[in-house]
Amino acid sequence: MPLLGFQQFFRSLTVCTLVTTLAIPQSISAQAHIVTQEEMQAAILEATQTREVHRERIVSFLSTPKAAKALGAARLDVKLVKSAVSSLSDDELAKFAARADKAESDFAAGRLTERDLLWILVGIAALILIIVAVH
């Protein structure tokens, strides 16, 4: 008989636990966020600003007279390439911005000739158009 009383006690305890668990509103447990809304908004703002900086660096690089000359010689439309820059992903923008910065600094330091810089410009423009076409 004591075993029957134990089973009944255990069943009652299980039922009470389930009722209590199910009775707690989901909104109370959902209020414990790992990241606050302000932190999320700040991260989104930072990502947007970083993306815009990278886009501007690439467009600036493509806006130089040397770039216009090189792209014209390669029969690439400067306006098309500049508009395609906005279609790139964040990672692609960061990579191309870094390449553009490196090419400009190498050219300014005399490590690149004007011809080398023109080839780099054409290569970057062609890659941008290929990536956008594939997407």
N, C-alpha and C. Protein backbone atom coordinates (compact mmCIF):
# COMPACT_ATOMS: atom_id res chain seq x y z
N MET A 1 0.80 -1.20 0.00
CA MET A 1 0.00 0.00 0.00
C MET A 1 0.85 1.27 0.00
N PRO A 2 2.00 1.30 0.70
CA PRO A 2 2.80 2.51 0.67
C PRO A 2 3.29 2.83 -0.74
N LEU A 3 3.50 1.81 -1.57
CA LEU A 3 3.95 2.04 -2.93
C LEU A 3 2.88 2.74 -3.75
N LEU A 4 1.61 2.41 -3.53
CA LEU A 4 0.50 3.05 -4.21
C LEU A 4 0.40 4.52 -3.82
N GLY A 5 0.60 4.83 -2.56
CA GLY A 5 0.58 6.21 -2.09
C GLY A 5 1.71 7.02 -2.70
N PHE A 6 2.88 6.40 -2.86
CA PHE A 6 4.01 7.08 -3.46
C PHE A 6 3.73 7.38 -4.93
N GLN A 7 3.14 6.46 -5.67
CA GLN A 7 2.81 6.66 -7.07
C GLN A 7 1.80 7.80 -7.22
N GLN A 8 0.82 7.81 -6.34
CA GLN A 8 -0.19 8.88 -6.40
C GLN A 8 0.45 10.23 -6.08
N PHE A 9 1.34 10.27 -5.10
CA PHE A 9 2.04 11.50 -4.77
C PHE A 9 2.89 11.97 -5.95
N PHE A 10 3.60 11.06 -6.58
CA PHE A 10 4.45 11.39 -7.71
C PHE A 10 3.62 11.91 -8.89
N ARG A 11 2.48 11.30 -9.16
CA ARG A 11 1.59 11.77 -10.24
C ARG A 11 1.08 13.17 -9.93
N SER A 12 0.67 13.39 -8.70
CA SER A 12 0.17 14.71 -8.31
C SER A 12 1.26 15.77 -8.45
N LEU A 13 2.47 15.42 -8.04
CA LEU A 13 3.60 16.34 -8.16
C LEU A 13 3.90 16.66 -9.63
N THR A 14 3.84 15.65 -10.47
CA THR A 14 4.08 15.84 -11.90
C THR A 14 3.01 16.74 -12.51
N VAL A 15 1.76 16.51 -12.18
CA VAL A 15 0.66 17.33 -12.69
C VAL A 15 0.82 18.78 -12.24
N CYS A 16 1.14 18.99 -10.97
CA CYS A 16 1.32 20.35 -10.46
C CYS A 16 2.48 21.06 -11.16
N THR A 17 3.55 20.34 -11.38
CA THR A 17 4.72 20.92 -12.07
C THR A 17 4.36 21.32 -13.50
N LEU A 18 3.65 20.45 -14.21
CA LEU A 18 3.25 20.76 -15.58
C LEU A 18 2.28 21.93 -15.64
N VAL A 19 1.32 21.96 -14.75
CA VAL A 19 0.35 23.06 -14.73
C VAL A 19 1.07 24.38 -14.45
N THR A 20 1.98 24.38 -13.49
CA THR A 20 2.73 25.60 -13.16
C THR A 20 3.58 26.05 -14.34
N THR A 21 4.26 25.11 -14.98
CA THR A 21 5.12 25.43 -16.12
C THR A 21 4.31 26.00 -17.28
N LEU A 22 3.19 25.40 -17.56
CA LEU A 22 2.37 25.86 -18.68
C LEU A 22 1.61 27.14 -18.36
N ALA A 23 1.41 27.42 -17.09
CA ALA A 23 0.65 28.60 -16.69
C ALA A 23 1.49 29.87 -16.76
N ILE A 24 2.82 29.76 -16.74
CA ILE A 24 3.68 30.95 -16.81
C ILE A 24 3.57 31.51 -18.22
N PRO A 25 3.24 32.78 -18.35
CA PRO A 25 3.10 33.37 -19.68
C PRO A 25 4.43 33.35 -20.44
N GLN A 26 4.33 33.09 -21.72
CA GLN A 26 5.52 33.06 -22.56
C GLN A 26 6.17 34.43 -22.66
N SER A 27 5.39 35.48 -22.50
CA SER A 27 5.95 36.82 -22.61
C SER A 27 6.95 37.11 -21.49
N ILE A 28 6.76 36.50 -20.33
CA ILE A 28 7.70 36.72 -19.23
C ILE A 28 9.04 36.08 -19.57
N SER A 29 9.01 34.88 -20.09
CA SER A 29 10.27 34.23 -20.44
C SER A 29 10.90 34.86 -21.67
N ALA A 30 10.12 35.47 -22.54
CA ALA A 30 10.65 36.10 -23.75
C ALA A 30 11.27 37.45 -23.48
N GLN A 31 11.04 38.03 -22.32
CA GLN A 31 11.57 39.35 -22.03
C GLN A 31 13.05 39.33 -21.69
N ALA A 32 13.62 38.20 -21.44
CA ALA A 32 15.04 38.11 -21.11
C ALA A 32 15.85 38.00 -22.39
N HIS A 33 16.16 39.15 -23.01
CA HIS A 33 16.93 39.18 -24.25
C HIS A 33 18.42 39.10 -23.94
N ILE A 34 19.14 38.47 -24.81
CA ILE A 34 20.59 38.42 -24.66
C ILE A 34 21.18 39.75 -25.12
N VAL A 35 20.66 40.30 -26.20
CA VAL A 35 21.13 41.58 -26.74
C VAL A 35 19.98 42.57 -26.63
N THR A 36 20.28 43.75 -26.12
CA THR A 36 19.23 44.76 -26.00
C THR A 36 18.93 45.35 -27.36
N GLN A 37 17.78 45.98 -27.45
CA GLN A 37 17.37 46.59 -28.71
C GLN A 37 18.32 47.73 -29.08
N GLU A 38 18.79 48.48 -28.09
CA GLU A 38 19.72 49.58 -28.35
C GLU A 38 21.05 49.06 -28.91
N GLU A 39 21.52 47.94 -28.37
CA GLU A 39 22.76 47.35 -28.87
C GLU A 39 22.58 46.86 -30.31
N MET A 40 21.42 46.30 -30.59
CA MET A 40 21.14 45.82 -31.94
C MET A 40 21.09 46.99 -32.92
N GLN A 41 20.42 48.06 -32.53
CA GLN A 41 20.34 49.24 -33.40
C GLN A 41 21.72 49.85 -33.62
N ALA A 42 22.54 49.89 -32.58
CA ALA A 42 23.89 50.43 -32.71
C ALA A 42 24.73 49.58 -33.67
N ALA A 43 24.59 48.27 -33.58
CA ALA A 43 25.32 47.37 -34.47
C ALA A 43 24.87 47.54 -35.92
N ILE A 44 23.58 47.70 -36.12
CA ILE A 44 23.05 47.91 -37.48
C ILE A 44 23.55 49.24 -38.04
N LEU A 45 23.53 50.28 -37.22
CA LEU A 45 24.01 51.59 -37.65
C LEU A 45 25.49 51.53 -38.01
N GLU A 46 26.28 50.85 -37.18
CA GLU A 46 27.71 50.74 -37.46
C GLU A 46 27.97 49.98 -38.76
N ALA A 47 27.23 48.89 -38.98
CA ALA A 47 27.39 48.11 -40.21
C ALA A 47 27.01 48.94 -41.44
N THR A 48 25.95 49.73 -41.31
CA THR A 48 25.52 50.58 -42.42
C THR A 48 26.56 51.65 -42.73
N GLN A 49 27.11 52.26 -41.68
CA GLN A 49 28.13 53.29 -41.88
C GLN A 49 29.40 52.70 -42.49
N THR A 50 29.80 51.52 -42.03
CA THR A 50 30.98 50.86 -42.58
C THR A 50 30.77 50.54 -44.06
N ARG A 51 29.59 50.03 -44.38
CA ARG A 51 29.28 49.71 -45.78
C ARG A 51 29.35 50.97 -46.64
N GLU A 52 28.82 52.08 -46.15
CA GLU A 52 28.83 53.32 -46.91
C GLU A 52 30.25 53.84 -47.11
N VAL A 53 31.09 53.73 -46.09
CA VAL A 53 32.48 54.16 -46.21
C VAL A 53 33.20 53.34 -47.28
N HIS A 54 33.00 52.03 -47.27
CA HIS A 54 33.63 51.17 -48.27
C HIS A 54 33.13 51.50 -49.68
N ARG A 55 31.83 51.71 -49.80
CA ARG A 55 31.26 52.04 -51.11
C ARG A 55 31.85 53.35 -51.62
N GLU A 56 31.94 54.35 -50.75
CA GLU A 56 32.48 55.65 -51.16
C GLU A 56 33.95 55.55 -51.56
N ARG A 57 34.72 54.71 -50.86
CA ARG A 57 36.13 54.55 -51.21
C ARG A 57 36.29 53.95 -52.61
N ILE A 58 35.46 52.97 -52.92
CA ILE A 58 35.54 52.34 -54.25
C ILE A 58 35.10 53.32 -55.32
N VAL A 59 33.98 54.00 -55.10
CA VAL A 59 33.48 54.96 -56.09
C VAL A 59 34.48 56.09 -56.28
N SER A 60 35.10 56.54 -55.21
CA SER A 60 36.13 57.58 -55.32
C SER A 60 37.31 57.09 -56.15
N PHE A 61 37.72 55.86 -55.93
CA PHE A 61 38.81 55.27 -56.70
C PHE A 61 38.45 55.18 -58.18
N LEU A 62 37.20 54.84 -58.46
CA LEU A 62 36.76 54.72 -59.85
C LEU A 62 36.46 56.07 -60.49
N SER A 63 36.40 57.14 -59.69
CA SER A 63 36.05 58.47 -60.21
C SER A 63 37.26 59.29 -60.64
N THR A 64 38.44 58.77 -60.44
CA THR A 64 39.63 59.53 -60.83
C THR A 64 39.73 59.60 -62.35
N PRO A 65 40.39 60.63 -62.86
CA PRO A 65 40.57 60.71 -64.32
C PRO A 65 41.31 59.51 -64.90
N LYS A 66 42.27 58.99 -64.14
CA LYS A 66 43.01 57.81 -64.61
C LYS A 66 42.07 56.61 -64.73
N ALA A 67 41.14 56.50 -63.78
CA ALA A 67 40.20 55.39 -63.83
C ALA A 67 39.28 55.53 -65.04
N ALA A 68 38.79 56.75 -65.29
CA ALA A 68 37.92 56.97 -66.44
C ALA A 68 38.66 56.61 -67.74
N LYS A 69 39.92 56.98 -67.80
CA LYS A 69 40.72 56.69 -68.99
C LYS A 69 40.92 55.17 -69.15
N ALA A 70 41.25 54.50 -68.04
CA ALA A 70 41.50 53.06 -68.09
C ALA A 70 40.23 52.29 -68.42
N LEU A 71 39.13 52.67 -67.80
CA LEU A 71 37.88 51.98 -68.06
C LEU A 71 37.39 52.24 -69.48
N GLY A 72 37.62 53.45 -69.96
CA GLY A 72 37.25 53.77 -71.34
C GLY A 72 38.05 52.95 -72.33
N ALA A 73 39.36 52.79 -72.05
CA ALA A 73 40.21 51.98 -72.92
C ALA A 73 39.79 50.52 -72.91
N ALA A 74 39.27 50.07 -71.79
CA ALA A 74 38.81 48.68 -71.69
C ALA A 74 37.35 48.53 -72.13
N ARG A 75 36.75 49.62 -72.57
CA ARG A 75 35.36 49.67 -73.02
C ARG A 75 34.38 49.25 -71.92
N LEU A 76 34.66 49.73 -70.73
CA LEU A 76 33.76 49.50 -69.60
C LEU A 76 33.10 50.83 -69.25
N ASP A 77 31.80 50.79 -69.05
CA ASP A 77 31.04 52.00 -68.72
C ASP A 77 31.25 52.35 -67.24
N VAL A 78 31.83 53.54 -67.00
CA VAL A 78 32.13 53.97 -65.64
C VAL A 78 30.86 54.05 -64.80
N LYS A 79 29.79 54.58 -65.37
CA LYS A 79 28.53 54.71 -64.64
C LYS A 79 27.98 53.33 -64.25
N LEU A 80 28.08 52.39 -65.16
CA LEU A 80 27.60 51.03 -64.88
C LEU A 80 28.40 50.39 -63.75
N VAL A 81 29.71 50.56 -63.79
CA VAL A 81 30.57 49.99 -62.74
C VAL A 81 30.25 50.64 -61.40
N LYS A 82 30.09 51.97 -61.38
CA LYS A 82 29.78 52.67 -60.12
C LYS A 82 28.43 52.25 -59.57
N SER A 83 27.45 52.07 -60.43
CA SER A 83 26.13 51.64 -59.94
C SER A 83 26.17 50.20 -59.47
N ALA A 84 27.03 49.39 -60.06
CA ALA A 84 27.14 47.98 -59.66
C ALA A 84 27.78 47.85 -58.28
N VAL A 85 28.56 48.83 -57.87
CA VAL A 85 29.22 48.77 -56.56
C VAL A 85 28.19 48.63 -55.44
N SER A 86 27.07 49.29 -55.56
CA SER A 86 26.03 49.22 -54.53
C SER A 86 25.42 47.83 -54.39
N SER A 87 25.56 47.00 -55.40
CA SER A 87 24.98 45.66 -55.37
C SER A 87 25.89 44.63 -54.70
N LEU A 88 27.11 45.03 -54.36
CA LEU A 88 28.04 44.10 -53.75
C LEU A 88 27.67 43.83 -52.29
N SER A 89 28.06 42.67 -51.80
CA SER A 89 27.84 42.34 -50.39
C SER A 89 28.81 43.13 -49.52
N ASP A 90 28.58 43.11 -48.23
CA ASP A 90 29.46 43.84 -47.31
C ASP A 90 30.89 43.33 -47.38
N ASP A 91 31.06 42.01 -47.45
CA ASP A 91 32.40 41.43 -47.53
C ASP A 91 33.10 41.82 -48.83
N GLU A 92 32.37 41.78 -49.93
CA GLU A 92 32.95 42.15 -51.22
C GLU A 92 33.34 43.62 -51.23
N LEU A 93 32.48 44.46 -50.68
CA LEU A 93 32.81 45.89 -50.59
C LEU A 93 34.08 46.10 -49.78
N ALA A 94 34.21 45.43 -48.66
CA ALA A 94 35.39 45.59 -47.81
C ALA A 94 36.65 45.15 -48.55
N LYS A 95 36.57 44.03 -49.27
CA LYS A 95 37.73 43.54 -50.01
C LYS A 95 38.15 44.50 -51.11
N PHE A 96 37.17 44.99 -51.89
CA PHE A 96 37.51 45.90 -52.97
C PHE A 96 38.00 47.25 -52.45
N ALA A 97 37.43 47.71 -51.34
CA ALA A 97 37.89 48.97 -50.75
C ALA A 97 39.34 48.83 -50.29
N ALA A 98 39.67 47.70 -49.70
CA ALA A 98 41.05 47.46 -49.26
C ALA A 98 42.00 47.40 -50.45
N ARG A 99 41.57 46.75 -51.52
CA ARG A 99 42.41 46.69 -52.74
C ARG A 99 42.60 48.07 -53.35
N ALA A 100 41.53 48.85 -53.38
CA ALA A 100 41.62 50.20 -53.94
C ALA A 100 42.57 51.06 -53.09
N ASP A 101 42.46 50.99 -51.78
CA ASP A 101 43.34 51.75 -50.89
C ASP A 101 44.79 51.34 -51.08
N LYS A 102 45.02 50.03 -51.17
CA LYS A 102 46.39 49.53 -51.35
C LYS A 102 46.96 49.99 -52.68
N ALA A 103 46.17 49.92 -53.72
CA ALA A 103 46.64 50.35 -55.04
C ALA A 103 46.97 51.84 -55.03
N GLU A 104 46.12 52.65 -54.41
CA GLU A 104 46.39 54.09 -54.36
C GLU A 104 47.63 54.40 -53.55
N SER A 105 47.79 53.73 -52.41
CA SER A 105 48.98 54.00 -51.59
C SER A 105 50.25 53.49 -52.26
N ASP A 106 50.19 52.33 -52.93
CA ASP A 106 51.36 51.83 -53.66
C ASP A 106 51.73 52.75 -54.81
N PHE A 107 50.74 53.29 -55.50
CA PHE A 107 51.00 54.21 -56.59
C PHE A 107 51.62 55.50 -56.06
N ALA A 108 51.07 56.02 -54.97
CA ALA A 108 51.60 57.25 -54.38
C ALA A 108 53.02 57.06 -53.86
N ALA A 109 53.35 55.86 -53.40
CA ALA A 109 54.69 55.58 -52.89
C ALA A 109 55.66 55.23 -54.00
N GLY A 110 55.19 55.11 -55.23
CA GLY A 110 56.06 54.81 -56.35
C GLY A 110 56.31 53.33 -56.56
N ARG A 111 55.57 52.48 -55.84
CA ARG A 111 55.75 51.04 -56.02
C ARG A 111 55.00 50.51 -57.24
N LEU A 112 54.09 51.32 -57.77
CA LEU A 112 53.33 50.95 -58.97
C LEU A 112 53.52 52.02 -60.03
N THR A 113 53.56 51.58 -61.26
CA THR A 113 53.58 52.54 -62.36
C THR A 113 52.14 52.90 -62.70
N GLU A 114 51.98 53.89 -63.53
CA GLU A 114 50.64 54.28 -63.94
C GLU A 114 49.96 53.14 -64.70
N ARG A 115 50.74 52.42 -65.48
CA ARG A 115 50.20 51.29 -66.23
C ARG A 115 49.69 50.21 -65.27
N ASP A 116 50.46 49.92 -64.22
CA ASP A 116 50.03 48.93 -63.23
C ASP A 116 48.72 49.35 -62.57
N LEU A 117 48.63 50.63 -62.24
CA LEU A 117 47.42 51.14 -61.61
C LEU A 117 46.22 51.00 -62.55
N LEU A 118 46.43 51.26 -63.83
CA LEU A 118 45.35 51.13 -64.80
C LEU A 118 44.87 49.67 -64.90
N TRP A 119 45.82 48.73 -64.88
CA TRP A 119 45.44 47.31 -64.92
C TRP A 119 44.64 46.91 -63.67
N ILE A 120 45.06 47.44 -62.54
CA ILE A 120 44.34 47.14 -61.31
C ILE A 120 42.92 47.71 -61.37
N LEU A 121 42.79 48.93 -61.88
CA LEU A 121 41.46 49.55 -62.03
C LEU A 121 40.56 48.71 -62.91
N VAL A 122 41.07 48.30 -64.04
CA VAL A 122 40.28 47.51 -64.98
C VAL A 122 39.92 46.16 -64.34
N GLY A 123 40.87 45.57 -63.63
CA GLY A 123 40.60 44.29 -62.96
C GLY A 123 39.51 44.41 -61.91
N ILE A 124 39.58 45.46 -61.09
CA ILE A 124 38.56 45.66 -60.06
C ILE A 124 37.20 45.90 -60.70
N ALA A 125 37.16 46.74 -61.74
CA ALA A 125 35.89 47.03 -62.40
C ALA A 125 35.30 45.77 -63.02
N ALA A 126 36.14 44.98 -63.67
CA ALA A 126 35.66 43.74 -64.29
C ALA A 126 35.13 42.77 -63.23
N LEU A 127 35.85 42.65 -62.12
CA LEU A 127 35.39 41.76 -61.05
C LEU A 127 34.05 42.22 -60.48
N ILE A 128 33.89 43.52 -60.30
CA ILE A 128 32.63 44.04 -59.78
C ILE A 128 31.49 43.68 -60.72
N LEU A 129 31.69 43.89 -62.01
CA LEU A 129 30.63 43.59 -62.97
C LEU A 129 30.34 42.09 -63.03
N ILE A 130 31.35 41.27 -62.92
CA ILE A 130 31.15 39.81 -62.96
C ILE A 130 30.37 39.36 -61.72
N ILE A 131 30.77 39.87 -60.56
CA ILE A 131 30.09 39.47 -59.31
C ILE A 131 28.62 39.88 -59.35
N VAL A 132 28.36 41.10 -59.83
CA VAL A 132 26.97 41.58 -59.89
C VAL A 132 26.17 40.76 -60.91
N ALA A 133 26.79 40.41 -62.01
CA ALA A 133 26.09 39.62 -63.03
C ALA A 133 25.74 38.22 -62.50
N VAL A 134 26.64 37.65 -61.69
CA VAL A 134 26.40 36.32 -61.15
C VAL A 134 25.29 36.33 -60.11
N HIS A 135 25.21 37.40 -59.33
CA HIS A 135 24.16 37.50 -58.30
C HIS A 135 22.84 37.65 -59.01
